[in-house]
Amino acid sequence: MRLVVTGGAGFIGANFVRFMLRRYDDLEVVNLDKLTYAGNLENLRDIEDDPRYTFVKGDICDTVVVRAALEGADAVVNFAAETHVDRSISGPQDFISTDVLGTHTLLEAVRELGIARYVQISTDEVYGSTETGAFTEESDLAPSSPYSASKAGADLLVLAYHRTFGTPVLITRSSNNYGPYQYPEKIIPLFITNAIDEQALPVYGDGLNVRDWLHVDDNCAGIDAVLREGALGEVYNIGGGNEVENLSLTRQILELLGKSPELIRFVTDRPGHDRRYAIDCGKLRELGWSPETPFETGLARTVSWYRDNPDWWRKIKSGEWREYYAQQYAELG
């Protein structure tokens, strides 16, 4: 199989590239990535010399680059996206461009080149918030942020291409991922690295917002199952079954690092902050998938990874990151 992975230098994309090369010997992977602030080739340093792996720098909005990268591909998995909710609130344009228009460019290339399978990587955030129960793939879409709205728009476009043109598409919607190589603007790597440096951990609002945490390796296994066994035109939820309040998560991180809870700082809640996410993954379980990483085990391993790899994240937490952080959490002083 010749597999094109877009956004393969990002957090989930890089872990997926590594996962697939580790699992299958008869696989060629082409990684198409623009290398925005969150794209980092160091995430793939250990496999960059693998003859089955090729990196192509390019934007999924660039028709010429996309067509060249996808030529001869058997399948495409699209991770390329702007993904951080806070950044979508302060600057939504990039989200609309990459997440919607970039998806359109890929769909056109898949259709024109006759590629057999296209997997769109989406998010449970397209469903919005729920106080009770869990969202299924049939639930209405009710995005709350420009980020989740851009992903919902892309999902609808993907499904429309299937219905109109018969494009062989699938969609995965995962809950919050965590694990190694995650850019430290997201809550788990941000709080781990801040705590290591004895810096404040900024908790939004009352800290009681609930997220379902999914280890990135379990997400990769779910995406692989959908890629190989999923029914075309269908959506599959991928969740970890680990609902945790943000404040509880913060305290667990501090405990694992032996740090004081006095590092917790409550800050002004962000606009449109969803209260609780929960998704039903029964449809994917029918394909034989189930999450294998208990949250306590996965979180401990993740804390250890950031503690053991300071060179990776200290280089990131400078320059653009530092400017963004100072603006985003100005009330910390």
C-alpha atoms as a PDB file:
ATOM      1  CA  MET A   1       0.000   0.000   0.000  1.00  0.00           C
ATOM      2  CA  ARG A   2       1.145   3.528  -0.797  1.00  0.00           C
ATOM      3  CA  LEU A   3      -0.332   5.703   1.934  1.00  0.00           C
ATOM      4  CA  VAL A   4      -0.293   9.504   1.910  1.00  0.00           C
ATOM      5  CA  VAL A   5      -0.554  11.067   5.367  1.00  0.00           C
ATOM      6  CA  THR A   6      -1.180  14.800   5.403  1.00  0.00           C
ATOM      7  CA  GLY A   7      -0.098  16.665   8.522  1.00  0.00           C
ATOM      8  CA  GLY A   8       2.227  13.809   9.396  1.00  0.00           C
ATOM      9  CA  ALA A   9       4.695  16.031  11.233  1.00  0.00           C
ATOM     10  CA  GLY A  10       2.111  17.040  13.825  1.00  0.00           C
ATOM     11  CA  PHE A  11       1.255  15.277  17.064  1.00  0.00           C
ATOM     12  CA  ILE A  12      -1.274  12.625  16.012  1.00  0.00           C
ATOM     13  CA  GLY A  13      -0.015  12.465  12.430  1.00  0.00           C
ATOM     14  CA  ALA A  14       3.567  11.693  13.459  1.00  0.00           C
ATOM     15  CA  ASN A  15       2.436   9.024  15.897  1.00  0.00           C
ATOM     16  CA  PHE A  16       0.265   7.515  13.146  1.00  0.00           C
ATOM     17  CA  VAL A  17       3.139   7.424  10.638  1.00  0.00           C
ATOM     18  CA  ARG A  18       5.332   5.664  13.197  1.00  0.00           C
ATOM     19  CA  PHE A  19       2.487   3.311  14.194  1.00  0.00           C
ATOM     20  CA  MET A  20       1.805   2.242  10.609  1.00  0.00           C
ATOM     21  CA  LEU A  21       5.445   1.667   9.688  1.00  0.00           C
ATOM     22  CA  ARG A  22       5.871  -0.365  12.852  1.00  0.00           C
ATOM     23  CA  ARG A  23       2.771  -2.463  12.163  1.00  0.00           C
ATOM     24  CA  TYR A  24       3.155  -3.146   8.422  1.00  0.00           C
ATOM     25  CA  ASP A  25       6.267  -4.124   6.492  1.00  0.00           C
ATOM     26  CA  ASP A  26       4.661  -3.804   3.043  1.00  0.00           C
ATOM     27  CA  LEU A  27       3.781  -0.121   3.412  1.00  0.00           C
ATOM     28  CA  GLU A  28       5.119   3.057   1.828  1.00  0.00           C
ATOM     29  CA  VAL A  29       4.226   6.293   3.617  1.00  0.00           C
ATOM     30  CA  VAL A  30       4.377   9.762   2.070  1.00  0.00           C
ATOM     31  CA  ASN A  31       4.109  12.549   4.637  1.00  0.00           C
ATOM     32  CA  LEU A  32       2.786  15.841   3.205  1.00  0.00           C
ATOM     33  CA  ASP A  33       3.112  18.623   5.748  1.00  0.00           C
ATOM     34  CA  LYS A  34       3.301  22.420   5.552  1.00  0.00           C
ATOM     35  CA  LEU A  35       5.377  22.585   8.764  1.00  0.00           C
ATOM     36  CA  THR A  36       3.372  25.265  10.511  1.00  0.00           C
ATOM     37  CA  TYR A  37       4.290  26.153  14.103  1.00  0.00           C
ATOM     38  CA  ALA A  38       2.987  22.772  15.340  1.00  0.00           C
ATOM     39  CA  GLY A  39       4.596  20.686  12.596  1.00  0.00           C
ATOM     40  CA  ASN A  40       7.975  19.378  13.688  1.00  0.00           C
ATOM     41  CA  LEU A  41      10.169  16.941  11.776  1.00  0.00           C
ATOM     42  CA  GLU A  42      11.925  16.072  15.030  1.00  0.00           C
ATOM     43  CA  ASN A  43       8.739  14.164  15.839  1.00  0.00           C
ATOM     44  CA  LEU A  44       9.848  11.649  13.188  1.00  0.00           C
ATOM     45  CA  ARG A  45      13.610  11.733  13.617  1.00  0.00           C
ATOM     46  CA  ASP A  46      13.727   8.039  14.485  1.00  0.00           C
ATOM     47  CA  ILE A  47      12.189   6.923  11.183  1.00  0.00           C
ATOM     48  CA  GLU A  48      13.433   9.599   8.762  1.00  0.00           C
ATOM     49  CA  ASP A  49      15.959   7.175   7.210  1.00  0.00           C
ATOM     50  CA  ASP A  50      13.438   4.383   6.720  1.00  0.00           C
ATOM     51  CA  PRO A  51      13.355   3.706   2.938  1.00  0.00           C
ATOM     52  CA  ARG A  52       9.579   3.247   3.163  1.00  0.00           C
ATOM     53  CA  TYR A  53       9.120   6.840   4.354  1.00  0.00           C
ATOM     54  CA  THR A  54       9.158  10.049   2.267  1.00  0.00           C
ATOM     55  CA  PHE A  55       8.598  13.618   3.429  1.00  0.00           C
ATOM     56  CA  VAL A  56       7.119  16.273   1.125  1.00  0.00           C
ATOM     57  CA  LYS A  57       6.826  19.849   2.325  1.00  0.00           C
ATOM     58  CA  GLY A  58       3.641  21.436   1.073  1.00  0.00           C
ATOM     59  CA  ASP A  59       0.267  22.999   1.813  1.00  0.00           C
ATOM     60  CA  ILE A  60      -2.916  20.967   1.345  1.00  0.00           C
ATOM     61  CA  CYS A  61      -4.464  24.117  -0.160  1.00  0.00           C
ATOM     62  CA  ASP A  62      -1.916  23.950  -3.020  1.00  0.00           C
ATOM     63  CA  THR A  63      -3.530  22.013  -5.865  1.00  0.00           C
ATOM     64  CA  VAL A  64      -0.271  21.321  -7.716  1.00  0.00           C
ATOM     65  CA  VAL A  65       1.570  20.044  -4.626  1.00  0.00           C
ATOM     66  CA  VAL A  66      -1.370  17.922  -3.504  1.00  0.00           C
ATOM     67  CA  ARG A  67      -1.853  16.277  -6.877  1.00  0.00           C
ATOM     68  CA  ALA A  68       1.854  15.427  -7.157  1.00  0.00           C
ATOM     69  CA  ALA A  69       1.960  13.981  -3.628  1.00  0.00           C
ATOM     70  CA  LEU A  70      -1.188  11.886  -4.131  1.00  0.00           C
ATOM     71  CA  GLU A  71      -0.227  10.478  -7.539  1.00  0.00           C
ATOM     72  CA  GLY A  72      -0.183   6.688  -7.303  1.00  0.00           C
ATOM     73  CA  ALA A  73      -1.554   6.592  -3.750  1.00  0.00           C
ATOM     74  CA  ASP A  74      -3.815   3.767  -2.601  1.00  0.00           C
ATOM     75  CA  ALA A  75      -5.163   5.731   0.362  1.00  0.00           C
ATOM     76  CA  VAL A  76      -5.029   9.160   2.008  1.00  0.00           C
ATOM     77  CA  VAL A  77      -5.414   9.978   5.699  1.00  0.00           C
ATOM     78  CA  ASN A  78      -5.902  13.692   6.323  1.00  0.00           C
ATOM     79  CA  PHE A  79      -4.577  14.943   9.660  1.00  0.00           C
ATOM     80  CA  ALA A  80      -3.605  18.369   8.293  1.00  0.00           C
ATOM     81  CA  ALA A  81      -5.534  20.998  10.247  1.00  0.00           C
ATOM     82  CA  GLU A  82      -5.359  23.933  12.566  1.00  0.00           C
ATOM     83  CA  THR A  83      -6.539  22.396  15.831  1.00  0.00           C
ATOM     84  CA  HIS A  84      -6.180  24.662  18.868  1.00  0.00           C
ATOM     85  CA  VAL A  85      -9.491  26.113  20.083  1.00  0.00           C
ATOM     86  CA  ASP A  86      -7.885  29.151  21.751  1.00  0.00           C
ATOM     87  CA  ARG A  87      -6.089  30.136  18.549  1.00  0.00           C
ATOM     88  CA  SER A  88      -9.312  29.743  16.558  1.00  0.00           C
ATOM     89  CA  ILE A  89     -10.964  32.317  18.804  1.00  0.00           C
ATOM     90  CA  SER A  90      -8.221  34.899  18.298  1.00  0.00           C
ATOM     91  CA  GLY A  91      -7.657  34.125  14.596  1.00  0.00           C
ATOM     92  CA  PRO A  92     -10.235  31.951  12.796  1.00  0.00           C
ATOM     93  CA  GLN A  93      -9.085  32.610   9.207  1.00  0.00           C
ATOM     94  CA  ASP A  94      -6.322  29.994   9.163  1.00  0.00           C
ATOM     95  CA  PHE A  95      -8.776  27.381  10.442  1.00  0.00           C
ATOM     96  CA  ILE A  96     -11.246  28.043   7.656  1.00  0.00           C
ATOM     97  CA  SER A  97      -8.493  28.012   5.032  1.00  0.00           C
ATOM     98  CA  THR A  98      -6.731  24.802   6.078  1.00  0.00           C
ATOM     99  CA  ASP A  99      -9.560  22.807   7.623  1.00  0.00           C
ATOM    100  CA  VAL A 100     -12.221  23.526   4.969  1.00  0.00           C
ATOM    101  CA  LEU A 101     -10.518  24.705   1.770  1.00  0.00           C
ATOM    102  CA  GLY A 102      -7.602  22.324   2.229  1.00  0.00           C
ATOM    103  CA  THR A 103     -10.010  19.421   2.644  1.00  0.00           C
ATOM    104  CA  HIS A 104     -11.728  20.467  -0.581  1.00  0.00           C
ATOM    105  CA  THR A 105      -8.396  20.441  -2.428  1.00  0.00           C
ATOM    106  CA  LEU A 106      -7.673  16.919  -1.186  1.00  0.00           C
ATOM    107  CA  LEU A 107     -11.136  15.649  -2.096  1.00  0.00           C
ATOM    108  CA  GLU A 108     -10.788  16.967  -5.644  1.00  0.00           C
ATOM    109  CA  ALA A 109      -7.428  15.217  -6.038  1.00  0.00           C
ATOM    110  CA  VAL A 110      -8.777  11.954  -4.597  1.00  0.00           C
ATOM    111  CA  ARG A 111     -11.706  12.089  -7.007  1.00  0.00           C
ATOM    112  CA  GLU A 112      -9.647  12.962 -10.060  1.00  0.00           C
ATOM    113  CA  LEU A 113      -6.903  10.412  -9.363  1.00  0.00           C
ATOM    114  CA  GLY A 114      -9.286   7.593  -8.486  1.00  0.00           C
ATOM    115  CA  ILE A 115      -7.755   6.920  -5.060  1.00  0.00           C
ATOM    116  CA  ALA A 116      -9.437   3.993  -3.316  1.00  0.00           C
ATOM    117  CA  ARG A 117      -9.866   5.327   0.234  1.00  0.00           C
ATOM    118  CA  TYR A 118      -9.794   8.727   1.928  1.00  0.00           C
ATOM    119  CA  VAL A 119      -9.998   9.072   5.731  1.00  0.00           C
ATOM    120  CA  GLN A 120     -10.853  12.470   7.192  1.00  0.00           C
ATOM    121  CA  ILE A 121      -9.575  12.937  10.750  1.00  0.00           C
ATOM    122  CA  SER A 122     -12.149  14.915  12.703  1.00  0.00           C
ATOM    123  CA  THR A 123     -13.015  15.529  16.353  1.00  0.00           C
ATOM    124  CA  ASP A 124     -15.756  14.878  18.881  1.00  0.00           C
ATOM    125  CA  GLU A 125     -15.946  18.661  19.316  1.00  0.00           C
ATOM    126  CA  VAL A 126     -18.170  18.879  16.216  1.00  0.00           C
ATOM    127  CA  TYR A 127     -21.019  17.507  18.372  1.00  0.00           C
ATOM    128  CA  GLY A 128     -20.758  20.320  20.911  1.00  0.00           C
ATOM    129  CA  SER A 129     -21.347  19.849  24.628  1.00  0.00           C
ATOM    130  CA  THR A 130     -23.638  17.469  26.499  1.00  0.00           C
ATOM    131  CA  GLU A 131     -24.507  17.302  30.182  1.00  0.00           C
ATOM    132  CA  THR A 132     -25.653  13.669  30.023  1.00  0.00           C
ATOM    133  CA  GLY A 133     -25.299  10.611  27.823  1.00  0.00           C
ATOM    134  CA  ALA A 134     -22.933  10.242  24.883  1.00  0.00           C
ATOM    135  CA  PHE A 135     -22.956  11.321  21.252  1.00  0.00           C
ATOM    136  CA  THR A 136     -23.291   8.730  18.506  1.00  0.00           C
ATOM    137  CA  GLU A 137     -22.331   9.134  14.862  1.00  0.00           C
ATOM    138  CA  GLU A 138     -25.967  10.027  14.173  1.00  0.00           C
ATOM    139  CA  SER A 139     -26.025  12.942  16.625  1.00  0.00           C
ATOM    140  CA  ASP A 140     -26.559  16.443  15.310  1.00  0.00           C
ATOM    141  CA  LEU A 141     -23.517  18.660  14.795  1.00  0.00           C
ATOM    142  CA  ALA A 142     -23.460  21.706  17.084  1.00  0.00           C
ATOM    143  CA  PRO A 143     -19.913  23.137  17.108  1.00  0.00           C
ATOM    144  CA  SER A 144     -19.150  25.861  19.635  1.00  0.00           C
ATOM    145  CA  SER A 145     -15.833  27.316  18.432  1.00  0.00           C
ATOM    146  CA  PRO A 146     -14.424  28.419  15.075  1.00  0.00           C
ATOM    147  CA  TYR A 147     -12.150  25.367  15.282  1.00  0.00           C
ATOM    148  CA  SER A 148     -14.930  22.836  15.738  1.00  0.00           C
ATOM    149  CA  ALA A 149     -17.075  24.667  13.173  1.00  0.00           C
ATOM    150  CA  SER A 150     -14.289  24.403  10.601  1.00  0.00           C
ATOM    151  CA  LYS A 151     -13.975  20.671  11.290  1.00  0.00           C
ATOM    152  CA  ALA A 152     -17.746  20.201  11.071  1.00  0.00           C
ATOM    153  CA  GLY A 153     -17.768  22.072   7.767  1.00  0.00           C
ATOM    154  CA  ALA A 154     -15.031  19.787   6.440  1.00  0.00           C
ATOM    155  CA  ASP A 155     -16.951  16.694   7.600  1.00  0.00           C
ATOM    156  CA  LEU A 156     -20.070  17.814   5.751  1.00  0.00           C
ATOM    157  CA  LEU A 157     -18.050  18.490   2.627  1.00  0.00           C
ATOM    158  CA  VAL A 158     -16.466  15.029   2.821  1.00  0.00           C
ATOM    159  CA  LEU A 159     -19.857  13.344   3.148  1.00  0.00           C
ATOM    160  CA  ALA A 160     -21.289  15.492   0.339  1.00  0.00           C
ATOM    161  CA  TYR A 161     -18.508  14.325  -1.985  1.00  0.00           C
ATOM    162  CA  HIS A 162     -19.455  10.745  -1.205  1.00  0.00           C
ATOM    163  CA  ARG A 163     -23.135  11.342  -1.899  1.00  0.00           C
ATOM    164  CA  THR A 164     -22.623  13.480  -4.993  1.00  0.00           C
ATOM    165  CA  PHE A 165     -19.574  11.931  -6.654  1.00  0.00           C
ATOM    166  CA  GLY A 166     -19.248   8.559  -4.938  1.00  0.00           C
ATOM    167  CA  THR A 167     -15.860   9.567  -3.506  1.00  0.00           C
ATOM    168  CA  PRO A 168     -14.661   6.708  -1.231  1.00  0.00           C
ATOM    169  CA  VAL A 169     -14.491   8.563   2.068  1.00  0.00           C
ATOM    170  CA  LEU A 170     -14.543   7.741   5.772  1.00  0.00           C
ATOM    171  CA  ILE A 171     -14.478   9.998   8.836  1.00  0.00           C
ATOM    172  CA  THR A 172     -13.101   9.407  12.327  1.00  0.00           C
ATOM    173  CA  ARG A 173     -14.075  11.636  15.254  1.00  0.00           C
ATOM    174  CA  SER A 174     -11.857  11.101  18.255  1.00  0.00           C
ATOM    175  CA  SER A 175     -11.979  12.413  21.789  1.00  0.00           C
ATOM    176  CA  ASN A 176      -9.070  14.353  23.320  1.00  0.00           C
ATOM    177  CA  ASN A 177      -5.731  12.709  22.513  1.00  0.00           C
ATOM    178  CA  TYR A 178      -2.649  12.694  24.708  1.00  0.00           C
ATOM    179  CA  GLY A 179       0.830  11.179  24.523  1.00  0.00           C
ATOM    180  CA  PRO A 180       4.367  11.994  23.330  1.00  0.00           C
ATOM    181  CA  TYR A 181       5.197  14.776  20.867  1.00  0.00           C
ATOM    182  CA  GLN A 182       2.098  16.877  21.575  1.00  0.00           C
ATOM    183  CA  TYR A 183       2.703  20.596  21.078  1.00  0.00           C
ATOM    184  CA  PRO A 184       2.758  22.275  24.511  1.00  0.00           C
ATOM    185  CA  GLU A 185      -0.189  24.588  23.991  1.00  0.00           C
ATOM    186  CA  LYS A 186      -2.592  21.727  24.772  1.00  0.00           C
ATOM    187  CA  ILE A 187      -3.500  21.172  28.401  1.00  0.00           C
ATOM    188  CA  ILE A 188      -1.552  17.983  29.242  1.00  0.00           C
ATOM    189  CA  PRO A 189       1.869  18.890  27.758  1.00  0.00           C
ATOM    190  CA  LEU A 190       1.456  22.511  28.832  1.00  0.00           C
ATOM    191  CA  PHE A 191       0.728  21.585  32.433  1.00  0.00           C
ATOM    192  CA  ILE A 192       3.444  18.929  32.578  1.00  0.00           C
ATOM    193  CA  THR A 193       6.145  21.241  31.253  1.00  0.00           C
ATOM    194  CA  ASN A 194       4.979  24.212  33.314  1.00  0.00           C
ATOM    195  CA  ALA A 195       4.974  22.104  36.452  1.00  0.00           C
ATOM    196  CA  ILE A 196       8.475  20.804  35.743  1.00  0.00           C
ATOM    197  CA  ASP A 197       9.633  24.430  35.633  1.00  0.00           C
ATOM    198  CA  GLU A 198       7.590  25.421  38.719  1.00  0.00           C
ATOM    199  CA  GLN A 199       5.385  27.690  36.615  1.00  0.00           C
ATOM    200  CA  ALA A 200       1.664  28.323  37.083  1.00  0.00           C
ATOM    201  CA  LEU A 201      -0.881  25.922  35.592  1.00  0.00           C
ATOM    202  CA  PRO A 202      -3.705  28.091  34.141  1.00  0.00           C
ATOM    203  CA  VAL A 203      -7.050  26.340  34.683  1.00  0.00           C
ATOM    204  CA  TYR A 204     -10.026  27.850  32.829  1.00  0.00           C
ATOM    205  CA  GLY A 205     -13.121  28.805  34.815  1.00  0.00           C
ATOM    206  CA  ASP A 206     -13.958  26.464  37.687  1.00  0.00           C
ATOM    207  CA  GLY A 207     -11.945  23.594  36.203  1.00  0.00           C
ATOM    208  CA  LEU A 208     -14.931  21.246  36.121  1.00  0.00           C
ATOM    209  CA  ASN A 209     -15.138  20.870  32.351  1.00  0.00           C
ATOM    210  CA  VAL A 210     -15.023  17.172  31.437  1.00  0.00           C
ATOM    211  CA  ARG A 211     -13.007  15.594  28.626  1.00  0.00           C
ATOM    212  CA  ASP A 212     -12.727  11.971  27.510  1.00  0.00           C
ATOM    213  CA  TRP A 213      -9.022  11.140  27.184  1.00  0.00           C
ATOM    214  CA  LEU A 214      -7.714   8.774  24.506  1.00  0.00           C
ATOM    215  CA  HIS A 215      -4.072   7.705  24.243  1.00  0.00           C
ATOM    216  CA  VAL A 216      -2.723   8.585  20.806  1.00  0.00           C
ATOM    217  CA  ASP A 217      -1.669   4.960  20.128  1.00  0.00           C
ATOM    218  CA  ASP A 218      -5.241   3.800  20.695  1.00  0.00           C
ATOM    219  CA  ASN A 219      -6.467   6.481  18.310  1.00  0.00           C
ATOM    220  CA  CYS A 220      -3.931   5.339  15.699  1.00  0.00           C
ATOM    221  CA  ALA A 221      -5.176   1.765  16.028  1.00  0.00           C
ATOM    222  CA  GLY A 222      -8.751   2.973  15.598  1.00  0.00           C
ATOM    223  CA  ILE A 223      -7.889   4.992  12.496  1.00  0.00           C
ATOM    224  CA  ASP A 224      -6.108   1.983  11.026  1.00  0.00           C
ATOM    225  CA  ALA A 225      -9.178  -0.180  11.661  1.00  0.00           C
ATOM    226  CA  VAL A 226     -11.390   2.359   9.877  1.00  0.00           C
ATOM    227  CA  LEU A 227      -8.920   2.712   7.006  1.00  0.00           C
ATOM    228  CA  ARG A 228      -8.869  -1.041   6.372  1.00  0.00           C
ATOM    229  CA  GLU A 229     -12.288  -2.253   7.514  1.00  0.00           C
ATOM    230  CA  GLY A 230     -14.613   0.755   7.647  1.00  0.00           C
ATOM    231  CA  ALA A 231     -17.632   1.073   5.369  1.00  0.00           C
ATOM    232  CA  LEU A 232     -17.298   3.857   2.804  1.00  0.00           C
ATOM    233  CA  GLY A 233     -19.350   6.965   3.504  1.00  0.00           C
ATOM    234  CA  GLU A 234     -19.497   6.222   7.235  1.00  0.00           C
ATOM    235  CA  VAL A 235     -18.406   8.088  10.374  1.00  0.00           C
ATOM    236  CA  TYR A 236     -16.700   6.326  13.305  1.00  0.00           C
ATOM    237  CA  ASN A 237     -16.256   7.711  16.819  1.00  0.00           C
ATOM    238  CA  ILE A 238     -13.005   6.883  18.649  1.00  0.00           C
ATOM    239  CA  GLY A 239     -13.046   7.471  22.409  1.00  0.00           C
ATOM    240  CA  GLY A 240     -11.031   6.363  25.385  1.00  0.00           C
ATOM    241  CA  GLY A 241     -13.848   6.017  27.906  1.00  0.00           C
ATOM    242  CA  ASN A 242     -11.860   8.137  30.381  1.00  0.00           C
ATOM    243  CA  GLU A 243     -13.988  11.112  31.445  1.00  0.00           C
ATOM    244  CA  VAL A 244     -11.937  13.396  33.676  1.00  0.00           C
ATOM    245  CA  GLU A 245     -12.574  16.907  34.978  1.00  0.00           C
ATOM    246  CA  ASN A 246      -9.835  19.364  34.040  1.00  0.00           C
ATOM    247  CA  LEU A 247      -9.129  20.173  37.676  1.00  0.00           C
ATOM    248  CA  SER A 248      -8.756  16.492  38.539  1.00  0.00           C
ATOM    249  CA  LEU A 249      -6.425  16.047  35.572  1.00  0.00           C
ATOM    250  CA  THR A 250      -4.334  18.989  36.759  1.00  0.00           C
ATOM    251  CA  ARG A 251      -3.993  17.511  40.227  1.00  0.00           C
ATOM    252  CA  GLN A 252      -3.014  14.109  38.818  1.00  0.00           C
ATOM    253  CA  ILE A 253      -0.220  15.711  36.791  1.00  0.00           C
ATOM    254  CA  LEU A 254       1.076  17.585  39.818  1.00  0.00           C
ATOM    255  CA  GLU A 255       0.992  14.437  41.924  1.00  0.00           C
ATOM    256  CA  LEU A 256       2.916  12.431  39.317  1.00  0.00           C
ATOM    257  CA  LEU A 257       5.601  15.127  39.268  1.00  0.00           C
ATOM    258  CA  GLY A 258       5.655  15.608  43.028  1.00  0.00           C
ATOM    259  CA  LYS A 259       4.672  19.265  42.655  1.00  0.00           C
ATOM    260  CA  SER A 260       2.550  21.482  44.893  1.00  0.00           C
ATOM    261  CA  PRO A 261      -1.124  22.178  44.077  1.00  0.00           C
ATOM    262  CA  GLU A 262      -0.262  25.808  44.804  1.00  0.00           C
ATOM    263  CA  LEU A 263       0.880  25.961  41.166  1.00  0.00           C
ATOM    264  CA  ILE A 264      -2.795  25.880  40.076  1.00  0.00           C
ATOM    265  CA  ARG A 265      -4.086  29.279  38.925  1.00  0.00           C
ATOM    266  CA  PHE A 266      -7.723  29.759  37.949  1.00  0.00           C
ATOM    267  CA  VAL A 267      -8.054  32.092  34.954  1.00  0.00           C
ATOM    268  CA  THR A 268     -10.972  33.621  33.072  1.00  0.00           C
ATOM    269  CA  ASP A 269     -12.918  30.975  31.182  1.00  0.00           C
ATOM    270  CA  ARG A 270     -12.632  31.015  27.414  1.00  0.00           C
ATOM    271  CA  PRO A 271     -15.665  31.984  25.301  1.00  0.00           C
ATOM    272  CA  GLY A 272     -17.950  29.118  24.281  1.00  0.00           C
ATOM    273  CA  HIS A 273     -16.099  26.610  26.470  1.00  0.00           C
ATOM    274  CA  ASP A 274     -17.896  23.251  26.092  1.00  0.00           C
ATOM    275  CA  ARG A 275     -18.746  21.701  29.461  1.00  0.00           C
ATOM    276  CA  ARG A 276     -18.552  17.981  28.683  1.00  0.00           C
ATOM    277  CA  TYR A 277     -17.652  15.702  25.809  1.00  0.00           C
ATOM    278  CA  ALA A 278     -18.672  12.047  25.628  1.00  0.00           C
ATOM    279  CA  ILE A 279     -18.962   9.758  22.615  1.00  0.00           C
ATOM    280  CA  ASP A 280     -20.291   6.266  22.003  1.00  0.00           C
ATOM    281  CA  CYS A 281     -17.741   4.058  20.190  1.00  0.00           C
ATOM    282  CA  GLY A 282     -19.887   0.971  19.706  1.00  0.00           C
ATOM    283  CA  LYS A 283     -19.773   1.274  15.920  1.00  0.00           C
ATOM    284  CA  LEU A 284     -15.959   1.067  15.856  1.00  0.00           C
ATOM    285  CA  ARG A 285     -15.898  -1.731  18.418  1.00  0.00           C
ATOM    286  CA  GLU A 286     -17.880  -3.811  15.910  1.00  0.00           C
ATOM    287  CA  LEU A 287     -14.755  -3.697  13.712  1.00  0.00           C
ATOM    288  CA  GLY A 288     -12.798  -5.342  16.541  1.00  0.00           C
ATOM    289  CA  TRP A 289     -11.198  -2.221  18.018  1.00  0.00           C
ATOM    290  CA  SER A 290     -11.059  -1.257  21.680  1.00  0.00           C
ATOM    291  CA  PRO A 291      -8.759   1.104  23.610  1.00  0.00           C
ATOM    292  CA  GLU A 292      -5.913  -0.686  25.370  1.00  0.00           C
ATOM    293  CA  THR A 293      -4.275   2.050  27.459  1.00  0.00           C
ATOM    294  CA  PRO A 294      -5.706   2.696  30.955  1.00  0.00           C
ATOM    295  CA  PHE A 295      -5.689   6.443  31.559  1.00  0.00           C
ATOM    296  CA  GLU A 296      -3.601   6.306  34.729  1.00  0.00           C
ATOM    297  CA  THR A 297      -0.951   4.222  32.925  1.00  0.00           C
ATOM    298  CA  GLY A 298      -0.964   6.380  29.824  1.00  0.00           C
ATOM    299  CA  LEU A 299      -0.789   9.633  31.762  1.00  0.00           C
ATOM    300  CA  ALA A 300       2.138   8.372  33.864  1.00  0.00           C
ATOM    301  CA  ARG A 301       3.990   7.321  30.695  1.00  0.00           C
ATOM    302  CA  THR A 302       3.263  10.693  29.104  1.00  0.00           C
ATOM    303  CA  VAL A 303       4.545  12.610  32.131  1.00  0.00           C
ATOM    304  CA  SER A 304       7.698  10.486  32.052  1.00  0.00           C
ATOM    305  CA  TRP A 305       8.217  11.160  28.344  1.00  0.00           C
ATOM    306  CA  TYR A 306       8.124  14.955  28.784  1.00  0.00           C
ATOM    307  CA  ARG A 307      10.296  14.716  31.877  1.00  0.00           C
ATOM    308  CA  ASP A 308      12.830  12.621  29.941  1.00  0.00           C
ATOM    309  CA  ASN A 309      12.791  14.731  26.760  1.00  0.00           C
ATOM    310  CA  PRO A 310      13.284  18.359  27.857  1.00  0.00           C
ATOM    311  CA  ASP A 311      15.353  19.184  24.771  1.00  0.00           C
ATOM    312  CA  TRP A 312      12.328  18.532  22.578  1.00  0.00           C
ATOM    313  CA  TRP A 313       9.917  20.864  24.367  1.00  0.00           C
ATOM    314  CA  ARG A 314      12.287  23.555  25.639  1.00  0.00           C
ATOM    315  CA  LYS A 315      13.162  24.487  22.046  1.00  0.00           C
ATOM    316  CA  ILE A 316       9.449  24.814  21.303  1.00  0.00           C
ATOM    317  CA  LYS A 317       8.611  26.895  24.378  1.00  0.00           C
ATOM    318  CA  SER A 318      10.427  29.933  23.051  1.00  0.00           C
ATOM    319  CA  GLY A 319       9.918  32.398  20.200  1.00  0.00           C
ATOM    320  CA  GLU A 320       6.396  32.137  18.740  1.00  0.00           C
ATOM    321  CA  TRP A 321       5.165  29.947  21.593  1.00  0.00           C
ATOM    322  CA  ARG A 322       6.346  32.409  24.229  1.00  0.00           C
ATOM    323  CA  GLU A 323       4.614  35.333  22.502  1.00  0.00           C
ATOM    324  CA  TYR A 324       1.392  33.358  22.172  1.00  0.00           C
ATOM    325  CA  TYR A 325       1.488  32.221  25.807  1.00  0.00           C
ATOM    326  CA  ALA A 326       2.086  35.756  27.136  1.00  0.00           C
ATOM    327  CA  GLN A 327      -0.896  37.016  25.156  1.00  0.00           C
ATOM    328  CA  GLN A 328      -3.206  34.112  25.945  1.00  0.00           C
ATOM    329  CA  TYR A 329      -2.525  34.109  29.696  1.00  0.00           C
ATOM    330  CA  ALA A 330      -1.777  37.795  30.229  1.00  0.00           C
ATOM    331  CA  GLU A 331      -3.661  37.773  33.544  1.00  0.00           C
ATOM    332  CA  LEU A 332      -0.962  35.517  35.015  1.00  0.00           C
ATOM    333  CA  GLY A 333       1.405  38.483  34.776  1.00  0.00           C
END
